[in-house]
């Protein structure tokens, strides 16, 4: 076909049919399937569509299509997906519930690149998401994506880069050091209670920290559906490729302490890469929660969690443990284990980017709890 210009009136943003989504998954598989075969990748995507986070319209497949007239069949140019998420917005001491969307699987076939199509699609998707799946009484707060092509492209289309840093610890089999707090494994059955406690604490912290800044602070809610989605991706890959000895299911993280109000815990997920990839296989700490962060003793408890994560990473065939955008307390704990740990500021991969729909400029917005659990 004769390729249209990126501003052609015959290009339209649409919700994909099941057939169009399958065709797009076949096309984007070389970039997004990782260690999986094409057939396994397609099964994983089908499996992930039937989770609490994504089913019943939780995931929307968007396509930019070319349709010269109503009588012509449309042709998919490029596509992406969005996942509806719960959000919180705080300003001047007031806390509000809202809707956010995470954008993922942005893909334009090589034959269509360099023509402005992806830019048009992502800009239109950003506008559409402002009112997408927002019910009466709800507020569309913001949308996020995690760029693997640097900071410039998405910023040109109003998706601004936010802090994207991490620390890394090597995977290693090490016993808990004498004097470290004891930890226990977290299982799927722990999610509901801990997520409830986490959200309650998050709400309190956001309302308190926003009382006098005049800025808006936003966060994605760390609910059970989000962690179940991460766990399902991991379980599928390991079950398909048998990358680890024994089952990793129901080994979701670790917790130190038993008394509510004084506990520290973290969840994790594993990401295996191909041997030829430059990126290491990584155990990502998706969320680290400190119920009493002002207590200096929590540094030792966090160190115990990180030590357990290192051992879990080694047993899982990982190269390292990553913790995104850690607090000073978390960095201090990591340096108990590896004194030379330094913050890595990412410039190309997994750039946390946010499109703001609220009042004022995005420059007056803080993204709190910008951790791996928000990635999709």
Protein backbone atom coordinates (compact mmCIF):
# COMPACT_ATOMS: atom_id res chain seq x y z
CA UNK A 1 0.00 0.00 0.00
CA UNK A 2 1.01 3.63 -0.36
CA UNK A 3 1.97 4.73 3.12
CA UNK A 4 0.01 7.72 4.44
CA UNK A 5 1.60 10.68 6.20
CA UNK A 6 1.52 10.54 9.98
CA UNK A 7 -1.07 13.33 10.08
CA UNK A 8 -3.38 11.68 7.56
CA UNK A 9 -7.11 11.90 8.40
CA UNK A 10 -7.33 8.26 7.36
CA UNK A 11 -5.31 7.13 10.37
CA UNK A 12 -7.46 6.30 13.39
CA UNK A 13 -6.85 5.15 16.94
CA UNK A 14 -9.13 2.18 17.66
CA UNK A 15 -9.60 -0.58 20.19
CA UNK A 16 -8.27 -3.72 18.55
CA UNK A 17 -10.39 -6.69 17.65
CA UNK A 18 -9.21 -10.04 19.07
CA UNK A 19 -7.86 -10.90 15.61
CA UNK A 20 -5.93 -7.63 15.38
CA UNK A 21 -4.49 -8.12 18.85
CA UNK A 22 -3.29 -11.63 17.96
CA UNK A 23 -1.70 -10.36 14.76
CA UNK A 24 0.06 -7.59 16.69
CA UNK A 25 1.35 -10.07 19.27
CA UNK A 26 2.78 -12.20 16.49
CA UNK A 27 4.48 -9.10 15.08
CA UNK A 28 5.88 -7.79 18.37
CA UNK A 29 6.97 -11.17 19.72
CA UNK A 30 10.59 -10.77 18.61
CA UNK A 31 10.92 -7.77 20.93
CA UNK A 32 8.70 -8.75 23.86
CA UNK A 33 8.77 -12.55 24.24
CA UNK A 34 12.20 -12.67 25.88
CA UNK A 35 13.23 -16.26 26.61
CA UNK A 36 9.91 -17.72 25.43
CA UNK A 37 9.15 -19.31 22.07
CA UNK A 38 6.54 -17.59 19.90
CA UNK A 39 3.95 -20.22 20.75
CA UNK A 40 4.64 -19.92 24.49
CA UNK A 41 4.61 -16.12 24.32
CA UNK A 42 1.16 -16.14 22.73
CA UNK A 43 -0.10 -18.50 25.43
CA UNK A 44 1.37 -16.30 28.14
CA UNK A 45 -0.36 -13.21 26.76
CA UNK A 46 -3.65 -15.08 26.62
CA UNK A 47 -3.12 -16.26 30.20
CA UNK A 48 -2.35 -12.75 31.43
CA UNK A 49 -5.58 -11.43 29.92
CA UNK A 50 -7.57 -13.51 32.39
CA UNK A 51 -6.23 -12.14 35.66
CA UNK A 52 -8.01 -9.89 38.15
CA UNK A 53 -6.01 -6.88 36.95
CA UNK A 54 -6.72 -7.34 33.25
CA UNK A 55 -9.96 -9.25 32.76
CA UNK A 56 -13.32 -7.60 31.97
CA UNK A 57 -11.70 -4.71 30.15
CA UNK A 58 -8.88 -4.09 32.63
CA UNK A 59 -6.53 -4.30 29.65
CA UNK A 60 -7.25 -2.39 26.45
CA UNK A 61 -5.42 -3.12 23.20
CA UNK A 62 -5.01 0.05 21.12
CA UNK A 63 -4.14 0.16 17.42
CA UNK A 64 -3.38 2.95 14.99
CA UNK A 65 -5.03 1.78 11.78
CA UNK A 66 -5.18 3.02 8.21
CA UNK A 67 -8.70 3.05 6.75
CA UNK A 68 -9.07 5.23 3.63
CA UNK A 69 -12.85 4.77 3.58
CA UNK A 70 -15.65 3.07 5.44
CA UNK A 71 -15.79 0.37 2.80
CA UNK A 72 -12.11 -0.54 3.07
CA UNK A 73 -10.76 -2.99 5.61
CA UNK A 74 -8.46 -1.27 8.05
CA UNK A 75 -4.75 -2.05 8.26
CA UNK A 76 -2.90 -2.00 11.57
CA UNK A 77 0.10 0.33 11.55
CA UNK A 78 1.23 0.09 15.20
CA UNK A 79 -0.18 -0.70 18.60
CA UNK A 80 0.10 -0.69 22.38
CA UNK A 81 -1.84 -1.74 25.46
CA UNK A 82 -3.11 0.04 28.57
CA UNK A 83 -3.95 -1.45 31.96
CA UNK A 84 -6.34 0.29 34.33
CA UNK A 85 -4.87 0.93 37.77
CA UNK A 86 -6.00 2.42 41.06
CA UNK A 87 -4.34 5.72 41.94
CA UNK A 88 -4.07 8.24 44.75
CA UNK A 89 -3.66 12.02 44.42
CA UNK A 90 -2.71 14.21 47.38
CA UNK A 91 -2.54 18.00 47.61
CA UNK A 92 -2.76 20.43 50.52
CA UNK A 93 -3.48 17.63 52.95
CA UNK A 94 -6.40 16.26 50.96
CA UNK A 95 -6.32 12.76 49.51
CA UNK A 96 -8.37 11.68 46.52
CA UNK A 97 -8.89 8.33 44.81
CA UNK A 98 -8.42 8.25 41.08
CA UNK A 99 -7.89 6.18 37.98
CA UNK A 100 -4.57 5.79 36.22
CA UNK A 101 -3.44 3.66 33.29
CA UNK A 102 -0.15 1.93 32.62
CA UNK A 103 0.84 1.83 28.96
CA UNK A 104 2.85 -1.14 27.72
CA UNK A 105 3.83 -3.19 24.66
CA UNK A 106 4.31 -0.17 22.42
CA UNK A 107 5.34 -1.58 19.04
CA UNK A 108 5.70 -0.36 15.49
CA UNK A 109 6.88 -2.83 12.82
CA UNK A 110 10.24 -1.90 11.29
CA UNK A 111 8.69 -1.25 7.86
CA UNK A 112 6.55 1.54 9.38
CA UNK A 113 9.20 3.18 11.56
CA UNK A 114 10.64 6.64 11.04
CA UNK A 115 7.36 8.05 9.69
CA UNK A 116 5.86 9.48 12.88
CA UNK A 117 3.22 6.81 13.32
CA UNK A 118 4.25 5.71 16.82
CA UNK A 119 4.37 9.33 17.94
CA UNK A 120 0.87 9.99 16.68
CA UNK A 121 -0.44 6.84 18.32
CA UNK A 122 1.10 7.47 21.72
CA UNK A 123 -0.07 11.09 21.73
CA UNK A 124 -3.62 10.05 20.87
CA UNK A 125 -3.56 7.24 23.42
CA UNK A 126 -2.45 9.74 26.06
CA UNK A 127 -5.40 11.99 25.29
CA UNK A 128 -7.89 9.12 25.15
CA UNK A 129 -6.79 7.70 28.50
CA UNK A 130 -7.71 10.90 30.32
CA UNK A 131 -11.35 9.88 30.24
CA UNK A 132 -11.00 6.17 29.57
CA UNK A 133 -12.88 3.84 31.92
CA UNK A 134 -13.58 6.67 34.34
CA UNK A 135 -16.92 6.24 36.04
CA UNK A 136 -19.09 8.93 37.55
CA UNK A 137 -17.48 10.39 40.61
CA UNK A 138 -14.01 9.18 39.66
CA UNK A 139 -11.08 11.27 38.53
CA UNK A 140 -8.58 10.44 35.83
CA UNK A 141 -5.34 11.37 37.50
CA UNK A 142 -2.42 10.43 35.26
CA UNK A 143 -1.00 7.68 33.08
CA UNK A 144 2.43 6.07 33.18
CA UNK A 145 4.75 4.12 30.92
CA UNK A 146 8.28 2.78 31.18
CA UNK A 147 10.35 3.73 28.16
CA UNK A 148 13.08 1.45 26.82
CA UNK A 149 14.12 4.00 24.18
CA UNK A 150 15.36 6.76 26.44
CA UNK A 151 13.74 9.96 27.63
CA UNK A 152 13.33 12.08 24.51
CA UNK A 153 10.71 10.39 22.33
CA UNK A 154 7.92 10.10 24.90
CA UNK A 155 8.67 13.52 26.39
CA UNK A 156 7.92 15.05 22.98
CA UNK A 157 4.43 13.62 23.36
CA UNK A 158 3.79 14.80 26.95
CA UNK A 159 5.03 11.70 28.80
CA UNK A 160 7.59 13.30 31.08
CA UNK A 161 10.54 11.34 32.51
CA UNK A 162 10.55 10.98 36.30
CA UNK A 163 13.30 9.62 38.58
CA UNK A 164 14.50 6.28 37.23
CA UNK A 165 17.27 5.01 39.45
CA UNK A 166 18.13 1.77 41.21
CA UNK A 167 20.69 0.01 43.30
CA UNK A 168 21.90 -3.52 42.55
CA UNK A 169 23.28 -6.26 44.77
CA UNK A 170 24.91 -9.43 43.49
CA UNK A 171 23.04 -12.70 43.71
CA UNK A 172 24.84 -14.85 46.26
CA UNK A 173 24.14 -17.70 48.64
CA UNK A 174 24.81 -16.28 52.08
CA UNK A 175 23.46 -17.19 55.47
CA UNK A 176 21.74 -14.46 57.47
CA UNK A 177 24.42 -12.77 59.54
CA UNK A 178 24.39 -13.15 63.31
CA UNK A 179 22.36 -10.37 64.89
CA UNK A 180 20.20 -9.77 61.80
CA UNK A 181 16.44 -9.88 62.41
CA UNK A 182 14.78 -13.14 61.43
CA UNK A 183 12.74 -13.19 58.23
CA UNK A 184 10.10 -15.52 56.84
CA UNK A 185 8.90 -16.12 53.31
CA UNK A 186 5.76 -14.42 52.07
CA UNK A 187 3.17 -16.52 50.26
CA UNK A 188 0.21 -15.70 48.07
CA UNK A 189 -2.03 -16.01 51.10
CA UNK A 190 -0.19 -13.09 52.76
CA UNK A 191 -0.99 -10.61 49.99
CA UNK A 192 -4.45 -9.45 51.03
CA UNK A 193 -3.59 -8.48 54.60
CA UNK A 194 -0.25 -6.89 53.77
CA UNK A 195 -1.58 -4.92 50.80
CA UNK A 196 -4.37 -3.57 52.99
CA UNK A 197 -1.86 -2.45 55.63
CA UNK A 198 0.41 -0.99 52.94
CA UNK A 199 -2.38 1.05 51.36
CA UNK A 200 -3.52 2.39 54.72
CA UNK A 201 0.03 3.51 55.52
CA UNK A 202 0.47 4.98 52.04
CA UNK A 203 -2.71 7.03 52.35
CA UNK A 204 -1.64 8.41 55.71
CA UNK A 205 1.85 9.30 54.47
CA UNK A 206 0.59 10.99 51.30
CA UNK A 207 -1.96 13.12 53.13
CA UNK A 208 0.57 14.18 55.77
CA UNK A 209 3.41 14.96 53.35
CA UNK A 210 1.24 17.11 51.09
CA UNK A 211 -0.06 19.52 53.71
CA UNK A 212 2.10 22.53 52.91
CA UNK A 213 4.06 21.88 49.72
CA UNK A 214 1.47 23.23 47.28
CA UNK A 215 2.44 20.39 44.98
CA UNK A 216 0.47 17.36 43.87
CA UNK A 217 1.77 13.96 44.93
CA UNK A 218 0.55 10.87 43.10
CA UNK A 219 0.98 7.15 43.60
CA UNK A 220 -0.23 3.89 42.15
CA UNK A 221 -2.03 1.71 44.68
CA UNK A 222 -0.08 -1.51 45.48
CA UNK A 223 -3.12 -3.79 45.49
CA UNK A 224 -3.21 -7.61 45.38
CA UNK A 225 -4.24 -7.67 41.71
CA UNK A 226 -1.02 -5.88 40.76
CA UNK A 227 1.23 -8.36 42.56
CA UNK A 228 -0.77 -11.31 41.27
CA UNK A 229 -0.11 -10.07 37.72
CA UNK A 230 3.66 -9.91 38.34
CA UNK A 231 3.60 -13.36 39.94
CA UNK A 232 1.63 -14.86 37.06
CA UNK A 233 4.18 -13.63 34.49
CA UNK A 234 7.02 -15.12 36.51
CA UNK A 235 5.25 -18.42 37.17
CA UNK A 236 4.42 -18.88 33.49
CA UNK A 237 8.00 -18.37 32.32
CA UNK A 238 9.49 -20.64 34.95
CA UNK A 239 6.83 -23.29 34.38
CA UNK A 240 7.44 -23.17 30.64
CA UNK A 241 11.23 -23.23 30.66
CA UNK A 242 11.99 -24.93 34.00
CA UNK A 243 14.68 -22.39 34.68
CA UNK A 244 14.93 -23.24 38.37
CA UNK A 245 15.17 -26.43 40.32
CA UNK A 246 11.97 -26.90 42.28
CA UNK A 247 8.94 -24.67 42.35
CA UNK A 248 9.18 -20.93 42.86
CA UNK A 249 5.46 -20.55 43.31
CA UNK A 250 4.37 -19.13 46.63
CA UNK A 251 7.79 -17.59 47.29
CA UNK A 252 6.76 -13.97 46.80
CA UNK A 253 9.05 -12.08 49.18
CA UNK A 254 10.10 -11.89 52.82
CA UNK A 255 8.99 -10.12 56.00
CA UNK A 256 10.77 -9.18 59.22
CA UNK A 257 8.70 -8.71 62.37
CA UNK A 258 5.31 -9.96 63.45
CA UNK A 259 3.66 -6.99 65.14
CA UNK A 260 1.57 -4.72 62.87
CA UNK A 261 3.02 -1.23 62.88
CA UNK A 262 6.63 -2.32 63.25
CA UNK A 263 7.12 -4.72 60.33
CA UNK A 264 9.27 -4.48 57.21
CA UNK A 265 8.58 -6.56 54.12
CA UNK A 266 9.23 -6.78 50.42
CA UNK A 267 7.78 -8.54 47.40
CA UNK A 268 9.88 -9.66 44.44
CA UNK A 269 9.60 -10.95 40.91
CA UNK A 270 12.16 -12.62 38.66
CA UNK A 271 13.06 -11.60 35.12
CA UNK A 272 15.15 -14.07 33.14
CA UNK A 273 17.08 -12.82 30.10
CA UNK A 274 18.68 -14.68 27.23
CA UNK A 275 22.38 -15.64 27.61
CA UNK A 276 23.24 -13.36 24.68
CA UNK A 277 21.48 -10.34 26.21
CA UNK A 278 23.53 -7.60 27.80
CA UNK A 279 20.97 -7.15 30.58
CA UNK A 280 21.42 -9.47 33.57
CA UNK A 281 18.77 -11.85 34.83
CA UNK A 282 17.35 -9.95 37.77
CA UNK A 283 15.30 -10.50 40.89
CA UNK A 284 13.38 -7.23 41.14
CA UNK A 285 12.10 -6.09 44.49
CA UNK A 286 8.73 -4.82 43.35
CA UNK A 287 7.80 -3.10 46.62
CA UNK A 288 9.54 -2.57 49.95
CA UNK A 289 7.37 -1.47 52.88
CA UNK A 290 8.59 0.02 56.18
CA UNK A 291 5.84 0.50 58.73
CA UNK A 292 7.97 2.58 61.10
CA UNK A 293 10.52 4.21 58.81
CA UNK A 294 11.70 6.69 61.43
CA UNK A 295 13.04 3.91 63.60
CA UNK A 296 16.84 3.53 63.08
CA UNK A 297 16.58 -0.19 63.85
CA UNK A 298 14.74 -0.64 60.56
CA UNK A 299 18.03 -0.42 58.67
CA UNK A 300 19.01 -3.81 60.07
CA UNK A 301 15.62 -5.28 59.17
CA UNK A 302 15.87 -4.02 55.60
CA UNK A 303 19.37 -5.46 55.35
CA UNK A 304 17.95 -8.83 56.41
CA UNK A 305 15.34 -8.62 53.63
CA UNK A 306 17.98 -7.76 51.06
CA UNK A 307 20.24 -10.58 52.23
CA UNK A 308 17.33 -13.02 51.80
CA UNK A 309 16.66 -11.59 48.34
CA UNK A 310 20.29 -12.17 47.35
CA UNK A 311 20.04 -15.82 48.37
CA UNK A 312 16.72 -16.24 46.57
CA UNK A 313 18.21 -14.66 43.45
CA UNK A 314 21.15 -17.08 43.49
CA UNK A 315 18.87 -20.07 43.92
CA UNK A 316 16.75 -18.81 41.02
CA UNK A 317 19.63 -18.46 38.59
CA UNK A 318 19.61 -14.68 38.75
CA UNK A 319 22.63 -12.43 38.42
CA UNK A 320 21.55 -9.62 40.71
CA UNK A 321 18.90 -8.01 42.89
CA UNK A 322 17.52 -4.60 41.93
CA UNK A 323 15.62 -2.07 44.05
CA UNK A 324 14.14 0.92 42.22
CA UNK A 325 14.28 4.48 43.56
CA UNK A 326 15.32 3.45 47.08
CA UNK A 327 15.10 5.79 50.06
CA UNK A 328 18.20 6.81 51.98
CA UNK A 329 17.26 4.25 54.63
CA UNK A 330 17.17 1.49 52.02
CA UNK A 331 20.52 2.54 50.57
CA UNK A 332 22.07 2.53 54.04
CA UNK A 333 20.78 -1.02 54.55
CA UNK A 334 22.20 -2.16 51.21
CA UNK A 335 25.59 -0.72 52.12
CA UNK A 336 25.68 -2.94 55.19
CA UNK A 337 25.87 -5.83 52.72
CA UNK A 338 27.92 -4.20 49.96
CA UNK A 339 29.67 -0.97 51.04
CA UNK A 340 30.36 0.10 47.45
CA UNK A 341 26.71 0.10 46.34
CA UNK A 342 26.00 3.17 44.21
CA UNK A 343 22.83 4.58 42.73
CA UNK A 344 22.47 3.84 39.01
CA UNK A 345 20.54 6.51 37.11
CA UNK A 346 19.01 4.89 34.04
CA UNK A 347 19.14 6.90 30.83
CA UNK A 348 17.66 4.45 28.32
CA UNK A 349 15.85 1.44 29.77
CA UNK A 350 12.80 1.43 32.07
CA UNK A 351 12.48 5.20 32.18
CA UNK A 352 9.50 5.96 34.42
CA UNK A 353 7.37 8.44 32.47
CA UNK A 354 4.13 10.14 33.50
CA UNK A 355 1.45 12.10 31.67
CA UNK A 356 -0.39 14.45 34.02
CA UNK A 357 -4.10 15.20 33.63
CA UNK A 358 -4.62 17.39 36.67
CA UNK A 359 -4.42 21.11 37.28
CA UNK A 360 -1.15 22.90 36.76
CA UNK A 361 2.08 21.71 35.22
CA UNK A 362 3.57 18.23 35.53
CA UNK A 363 6.62 20.00 36.97
CA UNK A 364 4.61 20.51 40.18
CA UNK A 365 3.87 16.79 40.51
CA UNK A 366 5.79 14.29 42.64
CA UNK A 367 5.48 10.58 41.88
CA UNK A 368 5.69 8.80 45.24
CA UNK A 369 6.41 5.09 45.65
CA UNK A 370 7.80 4.95 42.13
CA UNK A 371 8.86 1.32 42.48
CA UNK A 372 8.90 -1.74 40.25
CA UNK A 373 5.35 -2.79 41.16
CA UNK A 374 4.07 0.02 38.92
CA UNK A 375 5.83 -1.38 35.85
CA UNK A 376 3.78 -3.12 33.20
